[in-house]
């Protein structure tokens, strides 16, 4: 899955349904995250941070899958003999 595919998937996860919420947010933490993400607004910062958490989880799952080779055939000699080198 490419970065674009993951981003589109993440965007669809939270943009299908948007609810206005009133929450208390740590101003210093928000400022730090805003600087890291380079986002112009509080809304973009919060949504960007949520996207990053979802992407982090997807990366963790992919890393776990690679570590266990679960569902993968990369350790199959027949498959790998035809792989591009």
N, C-alpha and C. Protein backbone atom coordinates (compact mmCIF):
# COMPACT_ATOMS: atom_id res chain seq x y z
N UNK A 1 0.85 -1.17 0.00
CA UNK A 1 0.00 0.00 0.00
C UNK A 1 0.90 1.23 0.00
N UNK A 2 0.67 2.15 -0.91
CA UNK A 2 1.50 3.34 -1.01
C UNK A 2 1.09 4.37 0.04
N UNK A 3 1.94 5.38 0.19
CA UNK A 3 1.63 6.45 1.15
C UNK A 3 0.32 7.14 0.80
N UNK A 4 0.09 7.35 -0.50
CA UNK A 4 -1.14 8.01 -0.94
C UNK A 4 -2.35 7.16 -0.56
N UNK A 5 -2.26 5.83 -0.78
CA UNK A 5 -3.36 4.94 -0.43
C UNK A 5 -3.65 5.00 1.06
N UNK A 6 -2.62 4.97 1.87
CA UNK A 6 -2.79 5.02 3.33
C UNK A 6 -3.42 6.35 3.72
N UNK A 7 -2.91 7.45 3.15
CA UNK A 7 -3.45 8.77 3.49
C UNK A 7 -4.93 8.85 3.10
N UNK A 8 -5.27 8.38 1.88
CA UNK A 8 -6.67 8.40 1.46
C UNK A 8 -7.54 7.58 2.39
N UNK A 9 -7.02 6.44 2.82
CA UNK A 9 -7.75 5.57 3.72
C UNK A 9 -7.98 6.25 5.06
N UNK A 10 -6.94 6.90 5.57
CA UNK A 10 -7.03 7.60 6.85
C UNK A 10 -8.02 8.76 6.74
N UNK A 11 -7.93 9.52 5.67
CA UNK A 11 -8.83 10.66 5.48
C UNK A 11 -10.28 10.19 5.44
N UNK A 12 -10.54 9.10 4.74
CA UNK A 12 -11.91 8.57 4.67
C UNK A 12 -12.39 8.12 6.03
N UNK A 13 -11.51 7.63 6.87
CA UNK A 13 -11.91 7.14 8.19
C UNK A 13 -12.59 8.24 8.98
N UNK A 14 -12.03 9.44 9.01
CA UNK A 14 -12.62 10.45 9.88
C UNK A 14 -13.43 11.50 9.14
N UNK A 15 -13.33 11.59 7.83
CA UNK A 15 -14.08 12.62 7.12
C UNK A 15 -15.45 12.15 6.66
N UNK A 16 -15.72 10.86 6.77
CA UNK A 16 -17.05 10.38 6.41
C UNK A 16 -18.10 10.96 7.35
N UNK A 17 -17.72 11.14 8.58
CA UNK A 17 -18.64 11.68 9.57
C UNK A 17 -17.86 12.65 10.45
N UNK A 18 -18.29 13.89 10.47
CA UNK A 18 -17.61 14.91 11.26
C UNK A 18 -18.59 15.45 12.29
N UNK A 19 -18.15 15.48 13.53
CA UNK A 19 -18.98 15.99 14.62
C UNK A 19 -18.25 17.14 15.28
N UNK A 20 -18.95 18.22 15.51
CA UNK A 20 -18.37 19.35 16.22
C UNK A 20 -18.32 18.98 17.70
N UNK A 21 -17.14 19.21 18.32
CA UNK A 21 -16.95 18.83 19.73
C UNK A 21 -16.32 19.98 20.50
N UNK A 22 -16.63 20.03 21.75
CA UNK A 22 -16.03 20.99 22.65
C UNK A 22 -15.11 20.22 23.58
N UNK A 23 -13.80 20.47 23.46
CA UNK A 23 -12.83 19.74 24.28
C UNK A 23 -11.81 20.72 24.85
N UNK A 24 -11.24 20.35 25.98
CA UNK A 24 -10.14 21.12 26.56
C UNK A 24 -8.86 20.58 25.95
N UNK A 25 -8.04 21.47 25.40
CA UNK A 25 -6.78 21.08 24.75
C UNK A 25 -5.64 21.85 25.40
N UNK A 26 -4.59 21.15 25.74
CA UNK A 26 -3.38 21.75 26.31
C UNK A 26 -2.78 22.68 25.26
N UNK A 27 -2.72 23.98 25.56
CA UNK A 27 -2.24 24.98 24.59
C UNK A 27 -0.79 24.76 24.19
N UNK A 28 0.07 24.42 25.15
CA UNK A 28 1.48 24.20 24.83
C UNK A 28 1.65 22.98 23.93
N UNK A 29 0.92 21.92 24.25
CA UNK A 29 0.99 20.70 23.44
C UNK A 29 0.45 20.97 22.03
N UNK A 30 -0.63 21.69 21.93
CA UNK A 30 -1.20 22.05 20.63
C UNK A 30 -0.19 22.85 19.81
N UNK A 31 0.48 23.80 20.44
CA UNK A 31 1.48 24.61 19.74
C UNK A 31 2.64 23.76 19.26
N UNK A 32 3.08 22.82 20.09
CA UNK A 32 4.19 21.94 19.69
C UNK A 32 3.79 21.06 18.51
N UNK A 33 2.59 20.48 18.58
CA UNK A 33 2.12 19.62 17.49
C UNK A 33 1.92 20.44 16.22
N UNK A 34 1.40 21.63 16.37
CA UNK A 34 1.19 22.51 15.21
C UNK A 34 2.52 22.82 14.53
N UNK A 35 3.57 23.06 15.31
CA UNK A 35 4.89 23.32 14.74
C UNK A 35 5.45 22.08 14.05
N UNK A 36 5.25 20.92 14.65
CA UNK A 36 5.74 19.68 14.07
C UNK A 36 5.04 19.38 12.75
N UNK A 37 3.72 19.51 12.74
CA UNK A 37 2.94 19.18 11.55
C UNK A 37 2.94 20.31 10.52
N UNK A 38 3.25 21.52 10.97
CA UNK A 38 3.23 22.67 10.06
C UNK A 38 1.82 23.02 9.60
N UNK A 39 0.87 22.86 10.50
CA UNK A 39 -0.53 23.11 10.16
C UNK A 39 -0.92 24.54 10.49
N UNK A 40 -1.80 25.13 9.67
CA UNK A 40 -2.16 26.53 9.87
C UNK A 40 -3.24 26.78 10.91
N UNK A 41 -4.09 25.78 11.18
CA UNK A 41 -5.21 26.02 12.09
C UNK A 41 -5.26 24.94 13.17
N UNK A 42 -6.03 25.24 14.23
CA UNK A 42 -6.22 24.27 15.29
C UNK A 42 -6.93 23.03 14.74
N UNK A 43 -7.93 23.22 13.91
CA UNK A 43 -8.66 22.10 13.32
C UNK A 43 -7.71 21.20 12.52
N UNK A 44 -6.88 21.82 11.68
CA UNK A 44 -5.92 21.04 10.89
C UNK A 44 -4.93 20.31 11.78
N UNK A 45 -4.54 20.96 12.87
CA UNK A 45 -3.59 20.35 13.80
C UNK A 45 -4.19 19.13 14.48
N UNK A 46 -5.39 19.27 14.98
CA UNK A 46 -6.04 18.14 15.66
C UNK A 46 -6.30 17.01 14.67
N UNK A 47 -6.85 17.33 13.50
CA UNK A 47 -7.12 16.29 12.51
C UNK A 47 -5.82 15.66 12.03
N UNK A 48 -4.78 16.47 11.85
CA UNK A 48 -3.48 15.94 11.43
C UNK A 48 -2.89 15.01 12.48
N UNK A 49 -3.02 15.38 13.74
CA UNK A 49 -2.51 14.53 14.82
C UNK A 49 -3.28 13.21 14.87
N UNK A 50 -4.59 13.26 14.68
CA UNK A 50 -5.39 12.03 14.65
C UNK A 50 -4.98 11.15 13.47
N UNK A 51 -4.75 11.76 12.32
CA UNK A 51 -4.28 11.02 11.15
C UNK A 51 -2.95 10.33 11.44
N UNK A 52 -2.05 11.06 12.11
CA UNK A 52 -0.73 10.50 12.42
C UNK A 52 -0.84 9.29 13.35
N UNK A 53 -1.76 9.34 14.30
CA UNK A 53 -1.94 8.21 15.21
C UNK A 53 -2.45 6.99 14.44
N UNK A 54 -3.39 7.20 13.52
CA UNK A 54 -3.90 6.10 12.71
C UNK A 54 -2.80 5.54 11.82
N UNK A 55 -2.01 6.40 11.20
CA UNK A 55 -0.92 5.94 10.34
C UNK A 55 0.14 5.20 11.16
N UNK A 56 0.41 5.68 12.36
CA UNK A 56 1.36 5.00 13.25
C UNK A 56 0.90 3.57 13.53
N UNK A 57 -0.39 3.42 13.79
CA UNK A 57 -0.93 2.08 14.06
C UNK A 57 -0.84 1.20 12.81
N UNK A 58 -1.11 1.75 11.63
CA UNK A 58 -0.97 0.98 10.40
C UNK A 58 0.48 0.54 10.19
N UNK A 59 1.43 1.44 10.46
CA UNK A 59 2.84 1.09 10.33
C UNK A 59 3.22 0.00 11.34
N UNK A 60 2.69 0.10 12.57
CA UNK A 60 2.98 -0.91 13.58
C UNK A 60 2.46 -2.27 13.13
N UNK A 61 1.26 -2.29 12.59
CA UNK A 61 0.68 -3.55 12.11
C UNK A 61 1.50 -4.13 10.97
N UNK A 62 1.93 -3.27 10.04
CA UNK A 62 2.76 -3.74 8.93
C UNK A 62 4.09 -4.28 9.44
N UNK A 63 4.69 -3.60 10.40
CA UNK A 63 5.96 -4.07 10.97
C UNK A 63 5.78 -5.41 11.67
N UNK A 64 4.68 -5.55 12.41
CA UNK A 64 4.39 -6.83 13.07
C UNK A 64 4.20 -7.94 12.03
N UNK A 65 3.52 -7.61 10.95
CA UNK A 65 3.31 -8.60 9.90
C UNK A 65 4.63 -9.02 9.27
N UNK A 66 5.52 -8.07 9.04
CA UNK A 66 6.83 -8.40 8.50
C UNK A 66 7.65 -9.22 9.49
N UNK A 67 7.55 -8.89 10.76
CA UNK A 67 8.31 -9.60 11.78
C UNK A 67 7.87 -11.05 11.91
N UNK A 68 6.57 -11.29 11.77
CA UNK A 68 6.04 -12.64 11.93
C UNK A 68 5.86 -13.35 10.59
N UNK A 69 5.93 -12.58 9.49
CA UNK A 69 5.69 -13.08 8.13
C UNK A 69 4.27 -13.62 7.96
N UNK A 70 3.38 -13.26 8.87
CA UNK A 70 2.00 -13.72 8.81
C UNK A 70 1.30 -13.18 7.57
N UNK A 71 0.78 -14.09 6.77
CA UNK A 71 0.08 -13.69 5.55
C UNK A 71 1.00 -13.30 4.41
N UNK A 72 2.31 -13.45 4.59
CA UNK A 72 3.26 -13.07 3.56
C UNK A 72 3.94 -14.32 3.01
N UNK A 73 4.40 -14.21 1.79
CA UNK A 73 5.11 -15.34 1.19
C UNK A 73 6.55 -14.98 0.86
N UNK A 74 7.09 -14.00 1.57
CA UNK A 74 8.45 -13.55 1.31
C UNK A 74 9.50 -14.58 1.71
N UNK A 75 9.13 -15.51 2.59
CA UNK A 75 10.08 -16.54 2.98
C UNK A 75 9.88 -17.84 2.18
N UNK A 76 9.03 -17.79 1.16
CA UNK A 76 8.79 -18.95 0.29
C UNK A 76 9.82 -18.94 -0.84
N UNK A 77 10.72 -19.93 -0.88
CA UNK A 77 11.77 -19.95 -1.89
C UNK A 77 11.22 -19.94 -3.32
N UNK A 78 10.09 -20.59 -3.56
CA UNK A 78 9.51 -20.61 -4.91
C UNK A 78 9.07 -19.20 -5.33
N UNK A 79 8.49 -18.49 -4.43
CA UNK A 79 8.05 -17.12 -4.73
C UNK A 79 9.25 -16.21 -4.92
N UNK A 80 10.20 -16.31 -4.01
CA UNK A 80 11.35 -15.41 -4.05
C UNK A 80 12.30 -15.70 -5.22
N UNK A 81 12.28 -16.94 -5.75
CA UNK A 81 13.16 -17.25 -6.88
C UNK A 81 12.76 -16.46 -8.11
N UNK A 82 11.51 -16.07 -8.20
CA UNK A 82 11.05 -15.26 -9.33
C UNK A 82 11.05 -13.77 -9.06
N UNK A 83 11.51 -13.38 -7.89
CA UNK A 83 11.49 -11.96 -7.53
C UNK A 83 12.56 -11.20 -8.30
N UNK A 84 12.25 -9.96 -8.58
CA UNK A 84 13.20 -9.09 -9.28
C UNK A 84 14.36 -8.80 -8.34
N UNK A 85 15.55 -8.88 -8.88
CA UNK A 85 16.73 -8.62 -8.06
C UNK A 85 17.55 -7.52 -8.67
